[in-house]
Amino acid sequence: DPLSDEFMGFWMGTATTNELIFREIFRCVPDDTIENFDQYKKFIPGHEVPYGHALPSKTTAESLERLKGVRGHLVPIPLNFLKNENLGAKLGDKEILVPVEVFT
């Protein structure tokens, strides 16, 4: 039963496990642990690692072994990503001239 507490625990457990593995190997963004731009700058690996590539801190064999723990494509929705940042247009930005309806 997909509405049961048992299934929800299994579903969220799988999503959380996948998220932790992806965070460890790839540093994917958006990520729920990043709540402001300072944390974002510390989290991303920088220009030495192309986007979507594994971090160089582990060997390829170690990364592949760790990725065997991933089950499907399920990860939690990162609802807290940049939650402490004001991402709205500021006075003087050209986006403020465009009606809000265009962005929705």
N, C-alpha and C. Protein backbone atom coordinates (compact mmCIF):
# COMPACT_ATOMS: atom_id res chain seq x y z
N ASP A 1 0.84 -1.18 0.00
CA ASP A 1 0.00 0.00 0.00
C ASP A 1 0.89 1.25 0.00
N PRO A 2 0.84 2.07 -1.06
CA PRO A 2 1.72 3.24 -1.13
C PRO A 2 1.38 4.35 -0.12
N LEU A 3 0.25 4.25 0.55
CA LEU A 3 -0.11 5.26 1.55
C LEU A 3 0.23 4.83 2.97
N SER A 4 0.76 3.63 3.13
CA SER A 4 1.07 3.13 4.46
C SER A 4 2.33 3.79 5.02
N ASP A 5 2.43 3.80 6.32
CA ASP A 5 3.62 4.34 6.98
C ASP A 5 4.86 3.51 6.65
N GLU A 6 4.69 2.21 6.50
CA GLU A 6 5.81 1.33 6.17
C GLU A 6 6.38 1.68 4.80
N PHE A 7 5.51 1.86 3.82
CA PHE A 7 5.98 2.21 2.48
C PHE A 7 6.63 3.60 2.47
N MET A 8 6.02 4.56 3.17
CA MET A 8 6.58 5.91 3.22
C MET A 8 7.97 5.89 3.85
N GLY A 9 8.17 5.08 4.87
CA GLY A 9 9.49 4.94 5.48
C GLY A 9 10.50 4.36 4.50
N PHE A 10 10.07 3.35 3.74
CA PHE A 10 10.94 2.75 2.73
C PHE A 10 11.28 3.77 1.65
N TRP A 11 10.27 4.51 1.19
CA TRP A 11 10.42 5.50 0.11
C TRP A 11 11.39 6.60 0.53
N MET A 12 11.17 7.18 1.71
CA MET A 12 12.02 8.27 2.19
C MET A 12 13.42 7.78 2.55
N GLY A 13 13.51 6.55 3.05
CA GLY A 13 14.82 5.98 3.35
C GLY A 13 15.65 5.80 2.10
N THR A 14 15.01 5.31 1.03
CA THR A 14 15.70 5.16 -0.25
C THR A 14 16.14 6.51 -0.80
N ALA A 15 15.23 7.50 -0.73
CA ALA A 15 15.55 8.84 -1.23
C ALA A 15 16.71 9.45 -0.46
N THR A 16 16.71 9.31 0.83
CA THR A 16 17.76 9.89 1.66
C THR A 16 19.10 9.21 1.41
N THR A 17 19.09 7.89 1.30
CA THR A 17 20.33 7.16 1.01
C THR A 17 20.92 7.59 -0.33
N ASN A 18 20.06 7.68 -1.35
CA ASN A 18 20.52 8.13 -2.67
C ASN A 18 21.10 9.53 -2.60
N GLU A 19 20.40 10.42 -1.88
CA GLU A 19 20.86 11.81 -1.76
C GLU A 19 22.24 11.89 -1.12
N LEU A 20 22.46 11.13 -0.06
CA LEU A 20 23.75 11.16 0.63
C LEU A 20 24.88 10.65 -0.27
N ILE A 21 24.60 9.61 -1.04
CA ILE A 21 25.62 9.08 -1.95
C ILE A 21 25.92 10.09 -3.05
N PHE A 22 24.88 10.67 -3.66
CA PHE A 22 25.09 11.67 -4.71
C PHE A 22 25.84 12.89 -4.18
N ARG A 23 25.53 13.30 -2.96
CA ARG A 23 26.22 14.45 -2.36
C ARG A 23 27.70 14.14 -2.15
N GLU A 24 27.99 12.94 -1.69
CA GLU A 24 29.37 12.54 -1.42
C GLU A 24 30.20 12.44 -2.71
N ILE A 25 29.60 11.89 -3.76
CA ILE A 25 30.36 11.64 -4.99
C ILE A 25 30.36 12.84 -5.93
N PHE A 26 29.20 13.50 -6.10
CA PHE A 26 29.07 14.50 -7.16
C PHE A 26 28.87 15.94 -6.69
N ARG A 27 28.47 16.15 -5.43
CA ARG A 27 28.15 17.51 -4.95
C ARG A 27 27.08 18.16 -5.82
N CYS A 28 25.97 17.45 -6.02
CA CYS A 28 24.88 17.95 -6.87
C CYS A 28 24.20 19.15 -6.21
N VAL A 29 23.80 20.10 -7.03
CA VAL A 29 22.99 21.22 -6.58
C VAL A 29 21.72 21.25 -7.44
N PRO A 30 20.60 21.63 -6.90
CA PRO A 30 20.38 22.15 -5.55
C PRO A 30 20.51 21.06 -4.50
N ASP A 31 20.93 21.47 -3.31
CA ASP A 31 21.10 20.56 -2.18
C ASP A 31 20.49 21.21 -0.95
N ASP A 32 19.80 20.42 -0.15
CA ASP A 32 19.09 20.95 1.02
C ASP A 32 20.00 21.50 2.10
N THR A 33 21.28 21.15 2.08
CA THR A 33 22.19 21.65 3.11
C THR A 33 22.71 23.05 2.80
N ILE A 34 22.41 23.57 1.61
CA ILE A 34 22.88 24.89 1.20
C ILE A 34 21.75 25.89 1.38
N GLU A 35 21.90 26.78 2.36
CA GLU A 35 20.84 27.74 2.67
C GLU A 35 21.20 29.17 2.30
N ASN A 36 22.47 29.42 1.96
CA ASN A 36 22.87 30.77 1.54
C ASN A 36 24.04 30.65 0.56
N PHE A 37 24.43 31.78 -0.02
CA PHE A 37 25.48 31.76 -1.04
C PHE A 37 26.86 31.45 -0.48
N ASP A 38 27.12 31.78 0.78
CA ASP A 38 28.41 31.41 1.38
C ASP A 38 28.55 29.89 1.46
N GLN A 39 27.48 29.22 1.90
CA GLN A 39 27.49 27.75 1.95
C GLN A 39 27.60 27.17 0.54
N TYR A 40 26.96 27.81 -0.43
CA TYR A 40 27.02 27.35 -1.82
C TYR A 40 28.46 27.39 -2.34
N LYS A 41 29.15 28.49 -2.08
CA LYS A 41 30.54 28.63 -2.55
C LYS A 41 31.46 27.59 -1.92
N LYS A 42 31.20 27.23 -0.66
CA LYS A 42 32.01 26.21 0.02
C LYS A 42 31.64 24.80 -0.47
N PHE A 43 30.40 24.60 -0.88
CA PHE A 43 29.91 23.28 -1.26
C PHE A 43 30.37 22.85 -2.65
N ILE A 44 30.32 23.78 -3.62
CA ILE A 44 30.67 23.40 -4.99
C ILE A 44 32.17 23.19 -5.09
N PRO A 45 32.61 22.22 -5.91
CA PRO A 45 34.02 21.88 -5.94
C PRO A 45 34.91 22.90 -6.64
N GLY A 46 34.36 23.82 -7.39
CA GLY A 46 35.19 24.81 -8.08
C GLY A 46 35.39 24.43 -9.53
N HIS A 47 36.24 25.17 -10.20
CA HIS A 47 36.45 24.98 -11.63
C HIS A 47 37.33 23.78 -11.96
N GLU A 48 38.03 23.25 -10.97
CA GLU A 48 38.91 22.12 -11.25
C GLU A 48 38.13 20.83 -11.52
N VAL A 49 36.85 20.80 -11.12
CA VAL A 49 36.00 19.64 -11.37
C VAL A 49 34.85 20.07 -12.27
N PRO A 50 34.76 19.54 -13.49
CA PRO A 50 33.65 19.92 -14.37
C PRO A 50 32.31 19.52 -13.76
N TYR A 51 31.29 20.33 -14.03
CA TYR A 51 29.96 20.07 -13.48
C TYR A 51 29.48 18.68 -13.86
N GLY A 52 28.99 17.93 -12.87
CA GLY A 52 28.48 16.59 -13.12
C GLY A 52 29.52 15.49 -13.01
N HIS A 53 30.78 15.85 -12.77
CA HIS A 53 31.84 14.86 -12.64
C HIS A 53 32.06 14.54 -11.16
N ALA A 54 32.60 13.37 -10.91
CA ALA A 54 32.87 12.96 -9.54
C ALA A 54 34.02 13.78 -8.96
N LEU A 55 33.98 13.95 -7.64
CA LEU A 55 35.05 14.67 -6.96
C LEU A 55 36.34 13.84 -6.98
N PRO A 56 37.49 14.50 -7.07
CA PRO A 56 38.75 13.76 -7.17
C PRO A 56 39.23 13.17 -5.84
N SER A 57 38.48 13.37 -4.75
CA SER A 57 38.93 12.88 -3.44
C SER A 57 38.86 11.36 -3.34
N LYS A 58 38.12 10.72 -4.24
CA LYS A 58 38.03 9.26 -4.24
C LYS A 58 38.50 8.72 -5.58
N THR A 59 38.98 7.49 -5.57
CA THR A 59 39.36 6.86 -6.82
C THR A 59 38.09 6.46 -7.57
N THR A 60 38.24 6.16 -8.84
CA THR A 60 37.10 5.73 -9.65
C THR A 60 36.50 4.45 -9.07
N ALA A 61 37.33 3.53 -8.65
CA ALA A 61 36.84 2.27 -8.08
C ALA A 61 36.05 2.52 -6.80
N GLU A 62 36.53 3.42 -5.95
CA GLU A 62 35.81 3.75 -4.71
C GLU A 62 34.47 4.40 -5.02
N SER A 63 34.45 5.30 -5.98
CA SER A 63 33.21 5.96 -6.35
C SER A 63 32.21 4.98 -6.92
N LEU A 64 32.67 4.08 -7.80
CA LEU A 64 31.77 3.09 -8.38
C LEU A 64 31.22 2.15 -7.32
N GLU A 65 32.05 1.78 -6.38
CA GLU A 65 31.59 0.91 -5.29
C GLU A 65 30.53 1.60 -4.45
N ARG A 66 30.74 2.86 -4.16
CA ARG A 66 29.77 3.63 -3.38
C ARG A 66 28.46 3.82 -4.16
N LEU A 67 28.54 4.01 -5.46
CA LEU A 67 27.36 4.21 -6.30
C LEU A 67 26.51 2.95 -6.43
N LYS A 68 27.04 1.81 -6.06
CA LYS A 68 26.24 0.58 -6.07
C LYS A 68 25.11 0.64 -5.03
N GLY A 69 25.23 1.55 -4.07
CA GLY A 69 24.20 1.71 -3.06
C GLY A 69 23.00 2.51 -3.52
N VAL A 70 23.09 3.14 -4.69
CA VAL A 70 21.98 3.94 -5.22
C VAL A 70 20.90 3.01 -5.74
N ARG A 71 19.65 3.29 -5.39
CA ARG A 71 18.50 2.51 -5.85
C ARG A 71 17.56 3.43 -6.63
N GLY A 72 17.54 3.31 -7.94
CA GLY A 72 16.67 4.12 -8.78
C GLY A 72 17.16 5.55 -8.90
N HIS A 73 16.22 6.46 -9.14
CA HIS A 73 16.54 7.88 -9.33
C HIS A 73 15.95 8.75 -8.23
N LEU A 74 15.45 8.15 -7.19
CA LEU A 74 14.69 8.85 -6.15
C LEU A 74 15.59 9.63 -5.21
N VAL A 75 15.32 10.93 -5.07
CA VAL A 75 15.96 11.79 -4.07
C VAL A 75 14.90 12.73 -3.52
N PRO A 76 15.08 13.24 -2.29
CA PRO A 76 14.10 14.20 -1.75
C PRO A 76 14.17 15.54 -2.48
N ILE A 77 13.07 16.24 -2.49
CA ILE A 77 13.04 17.57 -3.10
C ILE A 77 13.79 18.53 -2.17
N PRO A 78 14.77 19.28 -2.68
CA PRO A 78 15.56 20.19 -1.83
C PRO A 78 14.81 21.50 -1.57
N LEU A 79 13.86 21.48 -0.66
CA LEU A 79 13.02 22.65 -0.39
C LEU A 79 13.76 23.76 0.36
N ASN A 80 14.88 23.45 0.98
CA ASN A 80 15.60 24.45 1.77
C ASN A 80 16.76 25.10 1.01
N PHE A 81 16.93 24.78 -0.27
CA PHE A 81 18.04 25.32 -1.05
C PHE A 81 17.92 26.84 -1.14
N LEU A 82 18.95 27.55 -0.67
CA LEU A 82 19.03 29.03 -0.66
C LEU A 82 17.83 29.69 0.01
N LYS A 83 17.30 29.04 1.04
CA LYS A 83 16.11 29.59 1.70
C LYS A 83 16.39 30.89 2.45
N ASN A 84 17.63 31.15 2.79
CA ASN A 84 17.96 32.38 3.52
C ASN A 84 18.42 33.52 2.60
N GLU A 85 18.27 33.34 1.30
CA GLU A 85 18.68 34.36 0.33
C GLU A 85 17.45 35.01 -0.29
N ASN A 86 17.55 36.31 -0.55
CA ASN A 86 16.50 37.02 -1.27
C ASN A 86 16.84 36.94 -2.76
N LEU A 87 16.08 36.13 -3.49
CA LEU A 87 16.37 35.90 -4.89
C LEU A 87 15.51 36.76 -5.81
N GLY A 88 14.77 37.68 -5.23
CA GLY A 88 13.94 38.57 -6.04
C GLY A 88 14.77 39.63 -6.74
N ALA A 89 14.16 40.24 -7.75
CA ALA A 89 14.85 41.31 -8.49
C ALA A 89 15.00 42.53 -7.60
N LYS A 90 16.13 43.19 -7.73
CA LYS A 90 16.41 44.40 -6.95
C LYS A 90 16.16 45.63 -7.82
N LEU A 91 15.92 46.74 -7.18
CA LEU A 91 15.71 47.99 -7.89
C LEU A 91 16.94 48.27 -8.76
N GLY A 92 16.72 48.52 -10.02
CA GLY A 92 17.80 48.74 -10.96
C GLY A 92 18.07 47.55 -11.86
N ASP A 93 17.60 46.36 -11.46
CA ASP A 93 17.74 45.18 -12.33
C ASP A 93 16.77 45.29 -13.49
N LYS A 94 17.20 44.86 -14.66
CA LYS A 94 16.33 44.95 -15.83
C LYS A 94 15.12 44.02 -15.72
N GLU A 95 15.22 42.96 -14.92
CA GLU A 95 14.10 42.04 -14.76
C GLU A 95 12.90 42.70 -14.08
N ILE A 96 13.14 43.79 -13.35
CA ILE A 96 12.04 44.47 -12.66
C ILE A 96 11.10 45.16 -13.65
N LEU A 97 11.55 45.39 -14.87
CA LEU A 97 10.72 46.02 -15.89
C LEU A 97 9.74 45.04 -16.54
N VAL A 98 9.99 43.76 -16.40
CA VAL A 98 9.14 42.73 -17.01
C VAL A 98 8.03 42.37 -16.01
N PRO A 99 6.78 42.24 -16.46
CA PRO A 99 5.68 41.88 -15.55
C PRO A 99 5.96 40.53 -14.87
N VAL A 100 5.57 40.39 -13.61
CA VAL A 100 5.79 39.18 -12.82
C VAL A 100 5.17 37.96 -13.50
N GLU A 101 4.06 38.14 -14.20
CA GLU A 101 3.36 37.03 -14.83
C GLU A 101 4.25 36.28 -15.84
N VAL A 102 5.23 36.94 -16.39
CA VAL A 102 6.12 36.30 -17.35
C VAL A 102 6.92 35.19 -16.67
N PHE A 103 7.23 35.34 -15.39
CA PHE A 103 8.06 34.38 -14.66
C PHE A 103 7.26 33.27 -14.00
N THR A 104 5.94 33.29 -14.14
CA THR A 104 5.12 32.25 -13.48
C THR A 104 4.52 31.31 -14.46
